[in-house]
N, C-alpha and C. Protein backbone atom coordinates (compact mmCIF):
# COMPACT_ATOMS: atom_id res chain seq x y z
N UNK A 1 0.85 -1.18 0.00
CA UNK A 1 0.00 0.00 0.00
C UNK A 1 0.89 1.24 0.00
N UNK A 2 0.73 2.16 -0.95
CA UNK A 2 1.57 3.34 -1.01
C UNK A 2 1.29 4.27 0.16
N UNK A 3 2.33 4.95 0.60
CA UNK A 3 2.19 5.90 1.70
C UNK A 3 1.67 7.21 1.12
N UNK A 4 0.60 7.73 1.72
CA UNK A 4 0.05 9.00 1.27
C UNK A 4 0.95 10.12 1.76
N UNK A 5 1.09 11.16 0.94
CA UNK A 5 1.90 12.31 1.33
C UNK A 5 1.13 13.58 1.07
N UNK A 6 1.42 14.59 1.85
CA UNK A 6 0.85 15.92 1.68
C UNK A 6 2.01 16.90 1.76
N UNK A 7 1.81 18.08 1.26
CA UNK A 7 2.90 19.05 1.30
C UNK A 7 2.88 19.81 2.62
N UNK A 8 4.05 20.24 3.03
CA UNK A 8 4.17 21.03 4.25
C UNK A 8 3.39 22.33 4.10
N UNK A 9 3.30 22.84 2.89
CA UNK A 9 2.55 24.09 2.66
C UNK A 9 1.08 23.90 3.00
N UNK A 10 0.54 22.73 2.73
CA UNK A 10 -0.87 22.47 3.06
C UNK A 10 -1.09 22.54 4.56
N UNK A 11 -0.10 22.12 5.34
CA UNK A 11 -0.22 22.20 6.79
C UNK A 11 -0.02 23.63 7.27
N UNK A 12 0.92 24.34 6.66
CA UNK A 12 1.24 25.69 7.10
C UNK A 12 0.07 26.66 6.96
N UNK A 13 -0.83 26.42 6.02
CA UNK A 13 -1.95 27.34 5.83
C UNK A 13 -3.12 27.02 6.78
N UNK A 14 -3.00 25.96 7.54
CA UNK A 14 -4.06 25.59 8.48
C UNK A 14 -3.98 26.47 9.73
N UNK A 15 -5.11 26.75 10.35
CA UNK A 15 -5.08 27.49 11.62
C UNK A 15 -4.29 26.71 12.68
N UNK A 16 -3.79 27.42 13.65
CA UNK A 16 -2.94 26.84 14.69
C UNK A 16 -3.61 25.65 15.37
N UNK A 17 -4.89 25.76 15.66
CA UNK A 17 -5.61 24.68 16.33
C UNK A 17 -5.52 23.37 15.53
N UNK A 18 -5.69 23.46 14.23
CA UNK A 18 -5.60 22.26 13.38
C UNK A 18 -4.18 21.74 13.30
N UNK A 19 -3.21 22.63 13.29
CA UNK A 19 -1.80 22.18 13.26
C UNK A 19 -1.47 21.41 14.53
N UNK A 20 -2.02 21.85 15.67
CA UNK A 20 -1.80 21.13 16.93
C UNK A 20 -2.41 19.73 16.87
N UNK A 21 -3.58 19.62 16.27
CA UNK A 21 -4.22 18.31 16.11
C UNK A 21 -3.35 17.43 15.23
N UNK A 22 -2.86 17.98 14.11
CA UNK A 22 -1.99 17.21 13.22
C UNK A 22 -0.74 16.74 13.97
N UNK A 23 -0.12 17.63 14.73
CA UNK A 23 1.10 17.27 15.46
C UNK A 23 0.83 16.18 16.49
N UNK A 24 -0.33 16.23 17.14
CA UNK A 24 -0.68 15.19 18.11
C UNK A 24 -0.86 13.85 17.41
N UNK A 25 -1.43 13.87 16.22
CA UNK A 25 -1.60 12.64 15.45
C UNK A 25 -0.25 12.12 14.95
N UNK A 26 0.62 13.00 14.56
CA UNK A 26 1.91 12.60 13.99
C UNK A 26 2.80 11.90 15.02
N UNK A 27 2.53 12.11 16.31
CA UNK A 27 3.32 11.48 17.36
C UNK A 27 3.13 9.96 17.40
N UNK A 28 1.98 9.50 16.92
CA UNK A 28 1.66 8.07 16.96
C UNK A 28 1.34 7.60 15.55
N UNK A 29 2.32 7.04 14.84
CA UNK A 29 2.12 6.64 13.44
C UNK A 29 1.01 5.62 13.22
N UNK A 30 0.69 4.82 14.24
CA UNK A 30 -0.35 3.80 14.08
C UNK A 30 -1.75 4.36 14.13
N UNK A 31 -1.89 5.63 14.51
CA UNK A 31 -3.20 6.27 14.55
C UNK A 31 -3.74 6.39 15.96
N UNK A 32 -4.69 7.29 16.10
CA UNK A 32 -5.29 7.56 17.41
C UNK A 32 -6.78 7.78 17.24
N UNK A 33 -7.52 7.43 18.27
CA UNK A 33 -8.96 7.68 18.27
C UNK A 33 -9.23 9.09 18.76
N UNK A 34 -10.43 9.56 18.55
CA UNK A 34 -10.82 10.89 19.04
C UNK A 34 -10.65 10.94 20.55
N UNK A 35 -11.04 9.88 21.23
CA UNK A 35 -10.93 9.83 22.69
C UNK A 35 -9.47 10.00 23.13
N UNK A 36 -8.55 9.33 22.44
CA UNK A 36 -7.13 9.46 22.77
C UNK A 36 -6.61 10.86 22.48
N UNK A 37 -7.06 11.44 21.38
CA UNK A 37 -6.62 12.78 21.02
C UNK A 37 -7.11 13.83 22.02
N UNK A 38 -8.29 13.62 22.55
CA UNK A 38 -8.85 14.58 23.51
C UNK A 38 -7.94 14.75 24.73
N UNK A 39 -7.18 13.72 25.05
CA UNK A 39 -6.26 13.80 26.20
C UNK A 39 -5.08 14.72 25.92
N UNK A 40 -4.73 14.90 24.65
CA UNK A 40 -3.55 15.69 24.28
C UNK A 40 -3.85 17.10 23.78
N UNK A 41 -5.05 17.34 23.33
CA UNK A 41 -5.37 18.67 22.79
C UNK A 41 -6.35 19.37 23.71
N UNK A 42 -6.22 20.66 23.78
CA UNK A 42 -7.09 21.43 24.67
C UNK A 42 -8.23 22.04 23.86
N UNK A 43 -9.22 21.20 23.57
CA UNK A 43 -10.40 21.66 22.85
C UNK A 43 -11.54 20.70 23.11
N UNK A 44 -12.73 21.13 22.78
CA UNK A 44 -13.89 20.28 22.97
C UNK A 44 -13.91 19.17 21.93
N UNK A 45 -14.68 18.14 22.19
CA UNK A 45 -14.79 17.04 21.23
C UNK A 45 -15.36 17.52 19.91
N UNK A 46 -16.32 18.44 19.98
CA UNK A 46 -16.93 18.97 18.76
C UNK A 46 -15.88 19.70 17.92
N UNK A 47 -15.06 20.53 18.57
CA UNK A 47 -14.02 21.26 17.85
C UNK A 47 -12.96 20.31 17.29
N UNK A 48 -12.63 19.28 18.06
CA UNK A 48 -11.65 18.31 17.60
C UNK A 48 -12.16 17.58 16.36
N UNK A 49 -13.40 17.14 16.40
CA UNK A 49 -13.97 16.43 15.24
C UNK A 49 -14.03 17.35 14.02
N UNK A 50 -14.36 18.62 14.23
CA UNK A 50 -14.41 19.57 13.12
C UNK A 50 -13.00 19.77 12.55
N UNK A 51 -12.01 19.88 13.42
CA UNK A 51 -10.62 20.05 12.97
C UNK A 51 -10.17 18.82 12.17
N UNK A 52 -10.52 17.64 12.64
CA UNK A 52 -10.16 16.41 11.92
C UNK A 52 -10.81 16.38 10.54
N UNK A 53 -12.07 16.79 10.46
CA UNK A 53 -12.75 16.81 9.15
C UNK A 53 -12.06 17.79 8.20
N UNK A 54 -11.69 18.96 8.71
CA UNK A 54 -11.02 19.96 7.87
C UNK A 54 -9.64 19.47 7.43
N UNK A 55 -8.91 18.83 8.33
CA UNK A 55 -7.61 18.27 7.98
C UNK A 55 -7.76 17.16 6.95
N UNK A 56 -8.82 16.37 7.08
CA UNK A 56 -9.11 15.31 6.12
C UNK A 56 -9.39 15.91 4.74
N UNK A 57 -10.17 16.97 4.70
CA UNK A 57 -10.48 17.64 3.43
C UNK A 57 -9.21 18.19 2.78
N UNK A 58 -8.25 18.62 3.60
CA UNK A 58 -7.00 19.17 3.09
C UNK A 58 -6.01 18.06 2.72
N UNK A 59 -6.37 16.81 2.98
CA UNK A 59 -5.49 15.69 2.65
C UNK A 59 -4.36 15.48 3.64
N UNK A 60 -4.51 16.00 4.86
CA UNK A 60 -3.44 15.91 5.85
C UNK A 60 -3.62 14.76 6.83
N UNK A 61 -4.83 14.21 6.93
CA UNK A 61 -5.08 13.07 7.82
C UNK A 61 -5.92 12.04 7.09
N UNK A 62 -5.84 10.82 7.57
CA UNK A 62 -6.66 9.73 7.03
C UNK A 62 -7.41 9.08 8.17
N UNK A 63 -8.60 8.61 7.88
CA UNK A 63 -9.39 7.91 8.89
C UNK A 63 -9.59 6.47 8.43
N UNK A 64 -9.25 5.54 9.30
CA UNK A 64 -9.46 4.12 9.04
C UNK A 64 -10.21 3.58 10.25
N UNK A 65 -11.49 3.32 10.06
CA UNK A 65 -12.31 2.88 11.19
C UNK A 65 -12.43 4.00 12.20
N UNK A 66 -12.03 3.69 13.43
CA UNK A 66 -12.10 4.71 14.49
C UNK A 66 -10.79 5.44 14.67
N UNK A 67 -9.78 5.09 13.90
CA UNK A 67 -8.46 5.69 14.08
C UNK A 67 -8.16 6.74 13.01
N UNK A 68 -7.56 7.81 13.45
CA UNK A 68 -7.10 8.87 12.56
C UNK A 68 -5.57 8.81 12.53
N UNK A 69 -5.00 9.02 11.36
CA UNK A 69 -3.55 9.05 11.23
C UNK A 69 -3.13 10.30 10.45
N UNK A 70 -1.96 10.82 10.80
CA UNK A 70 -1.40 11.97 10.08
C UNK A 70 -0.76 11.46 8.79
N UNK A 71 -0.98 12.17 7.71
CA UNK A 71 -0.35 11.85 6.44
C UNK A 71 1.08 12.37 6.49
N UNK A 72 2.00 11.57 6.01
CA UNK A 72 3.41 11.98 5.99
C UNK A 72 3.57 13.20 5.10
N UNK A 73 4.26 14.21 5.62
CA UNK A 73 4.49 15.43 4.84
C UNK A 73 5.59 15.24 3.83
N UNK A 74 5.36 15.76 2.66
CA UNK A 74 6.36 15.73 1.59
C UNK A 74 7.20 16.98 1.72
N UNK A 75 8.47 16.80 2.01
CA UNK A 75 9.37 17.92 2.17
C UNK A 75 9.92 18.31 0.81
N UNK A 76 9.82 19.60 0.46
CA UNK A 76 10.36 20.02 -0.85
C UNK A 76 11.86 19.79 -0.90
N UNK A 77 12.35 19.52 -2.09
CA UNK A 77 13.78 19.29 -2.27
C UNK A 77 14.54 20.59 -2.09
N UNK A 78 15.28 20.68 -0.99
CA UNK A 78 16.12 21.85 -0.75
C UNK A 78 17.51 21.54 -1.27
N UNK A 79 18.08 22.47 -1.99
CA UNK A 79 19.45 22.21 -2.43
C UNK A 79 20.37 22.23 -1.21
N UNK A 80 20.82 21.07 -0.82
CA UNK A 80 21.69 20.99 0.35
C UNK A 80 23.12 21.29 -0.08
N UNK A 81 23.89 21.80 0.86
CA UNK A 81 25.28 22.09 0.51
C UNK A 81 25.97 20.80 0.07
N UNK A 82 26.60 20.86 -1.04
CA UNK A 82 27.22 19.65 -1.57
C UNK A 82 28.62 19.49 -0.97
N UNK A 83 29.03 18.27 -0.91
CA UNK A 83 30.36 17.98 -0.39
C UNK A 83 31.39 18.01 -1.50
N UNK A 84 30.96 18.39 -2.70
CA UNK A 84 31.87 18.45 -3.84
C UNK A 84 32.64 19.76 -3.89
N UNK A 85 32.50 20.57 -2.83
CA UNK A 85 33.18 21.86 -2.82
C UNK A 85 34.69 21.70 -2.74
N UNK A 86 35.13 20.58 -2.22
CA UNK A 86 36.56 20.36 -2.13
C UNK A 86 37.09 19.99 -3.51
N UNK A 87 38.17 20.61 -3.86
CA UNK A 87 38.74 20.29 -5.17
C UNK A 87 39.43 18.95 -5.08
N UNK A 88 39.35 18.20 -6.13
CA UNK A 88 39.99 16.87 -6.11
C UNK A 88 41.50 17.03 -5.95
N UNK A 89 42.05 16.12 -5.25
CA UNK A 89 43.50 16.20 -5.03
C UNK A 89 44.21 15.77 -6.29
N UNK A 90 45.21 16.49 -6.61
CA UNK A 90 45.99 16.15 -7.80
C UNK A 90 47.38 15.77 -7.32
N UNK A 91 47.66 14.55 -7.38
CA UNK A 91 48.98 14.11 -6.92
C UNK A 91 49.88 13.90 -8.14
N UNK A 92 50.98 14.55 -8.11
CA UNK A 92 51.93 14.40 -9.20
C UNK A 92 53.15 13.70 -8.65
N UNK A 93 53.24 12.43 -8.86
CA UNK A 93 54.37 11.64 -8.36
C UNK A 93 55.48 11.62 -9.34
């Protein structure tokens, strides 16, 4: 089964409350129930369920049965500093 991915930009445009829900879900890769999430987030069950629905619409979470899971974020390719900066050694024997 392929791993679903979402962009970090999709998460960044979400309100802070939804980002906190996403972060709480991301802590447990196997998924969490609403009841388990309520222990970690400071919001009502109604607000939590609404946040989960909005995150689902944005493609940031998945629901399988009673468990919600965070979708793995796709990190954009940043040009990392290359180790090729060192000039090759030229040995003249």
